[in-house]
């Protein structure tokens, strides 16, 4: 996988990454790829999966923080006193 391809994945939205990953999985499940091409597709799928995981982790960090008195604090999911 080239650096240019990885950069492109970084610029893709989560939805674009998932759609591309789904296409890779379908191609692999089709069973019509030569071994070398299947290995390349598998590697591409691994990179796509890692990019998706990274985007999910970033989103999780954003969603689990809140601003309180102009500073970031963890968001407590079990806090019953939230307004």
Protein backbone atom coordinates (compact mmCIF):
# COMPACT_ATOMS: atom_id res chain seq x y z
CA UNK A 1 0.00 0.00 0.00
CA UNK A 2 1.52 3.30 -1.02
CA UNK A 3 1.73 6.42 1.14
CA UNK A 4 -0.53 8.20 -1.37
CA UNK A 5 -3.24 5.55 -0.87
CA UNK A 6 -2.93 5.81 2.94
CA UNK A 7 -3.24 9.60 2.71
CA UNK A 8 -6.36 9.17 0.62
CA UNK A 9 -7.84 6.88 3.29
CA UNK A 10 -7.11 9.51 5.95
CA UNK A 11 -9.10 12.02 3.91
CA UNK A 12 -12.08 9.70 3.41
CA UNK A 13 -15.16 9.89 5.62
CA UNK A 14 -16.08 6.94 7.81
CA UNK A 15 -18.95 6.11 5.46
CA UNK A 16 -16.65 6.15 2.43
CA UNK A 17 -14.19 3.89 4.21
CA UNK A 18 -16.95 1.45 5.17
CA UNK A 19 -18.35 1.37 1.62
CA UNK A 20 -14.88 0.69 0.22
CA UNK A 21 -14.27 -2.00 2.84
CA UNK A 22 -17.60 -3.61 1.93
CA UNK A 23 -16.53 -3.69 -1.73
CA UNK A 24 -13.24 -5.33 -0.77
CA UNK A 25 -15.06 -7.97 1.28
CA UNK A 26 -17.46 -8.68 -1.58
CA UNK A 27 -14.56 -9.07 -4.00
CA UNK A 28 -12.85 -11.50 -1.64
CA UNK A 29 -16.04 -13.46 -1.01
CA UNK A 30 -16.64 -13.70 -4.76
CA UNK A 31 -13.75 -16.14 -5.00
CA UNK A 32 -12.79 -15.08 -8.51
CA UNK A 33 -9.58 -13.20 -7.66
CA UNK A 34 -6.15 -14.61 -8.37
CA UNK A 35 -4.19 -15.37 -5.21
CA UNK A 36 -1.93 -12.34 -5.59
CA UNK A 37 -4.89 -10.01 -6.12
CA UNK A 38 -6.74 -11.57 -3.18
CA UNK A 39 -3.73 -10.91 -0.94
CA UNK A 40 -3.60 -7.29 -2.11
CA UNK A 41 -7.34 -6.88 -1.47
CA UNK A 42 -6.96 -8.46 1.97
CA UNK A 43 -4.15 -6.01 2.82
CA UNK A 44 -6.29 -3.13 1.57
CA UNK A 45 -9.12 -4.37 3.78
CA UNK A 46 -6.85 -4.43 6.82
CA UNK A 47 -5.79 -0.83 6.15
CA UNK A 48 -9.40 0.23 5.64
CA UNK A 49 -10.45 -1.50 8.85
CA UNK A 50 -7.71 0.28 10.81
CA UNK A 51 -8.72 3.63 9.30
CA UNK A 52 -12.35 2.97 10.31
CA UNK A 53 -11.25 2.05 13.85
CA UNK A 54 -9.22 5.26 14.08
CA UNK A 55 -12.19 7.38 12.98
CA UNK A 56 -14.44 5.62 15.51
CA UNK A 57 -11.92 6.20 18.31
CA UNK A 58 -11.71 9.90 17.38
CA UNK A 59 -15.49 10.21 17.39
CA UNK A 60 -15.68 8.42 20.74
CA UNK A 61 -13.22 10.88 22.27
CA UNK A 62 -15.31 13.81 21.06
CA UNK A 63 -18.57 12.29 22.29
CA UNK A 64 -17.22 11.38 25.72
CA UNK A 65 -16.02 14.89 26.53
CA UNK A 66 -17.95 17.97 27.45
CA UNK A 67 -17.08 21.58 28.22
CA UNK A 68 -17.50 22.61 31.86
CA UNK A 69 -16.27 26.00 33.06
CA UNK A 70 -14.23 26.40 29.85
CA UNK A 71 -12.27 23.18 30.33
CA UNK A 72 -12.73 19.69 28.99
CA UNK A 73 -13.87 17.02 31.42
CA UNK A 74 -14.87 13.39 30.88
CA UNK A 75 -18.56 12.81 30.28
CA UNK A 76 -20.04 10.51 32.89
CA UNK A 77 -22.61 8.25 31.26
CA UNK A 78 -24.15 7.17 34.56
CA UNK A 79 -24.51 10.71 35.97
CA UNK A 80 -28.19 11.16 36.85
CA UNK A 81 -27.74 14.88 37.66
CA UNK A 82 -27.16 15.96 34.03
CA UNK A 83 -29.39 18.78 32.81
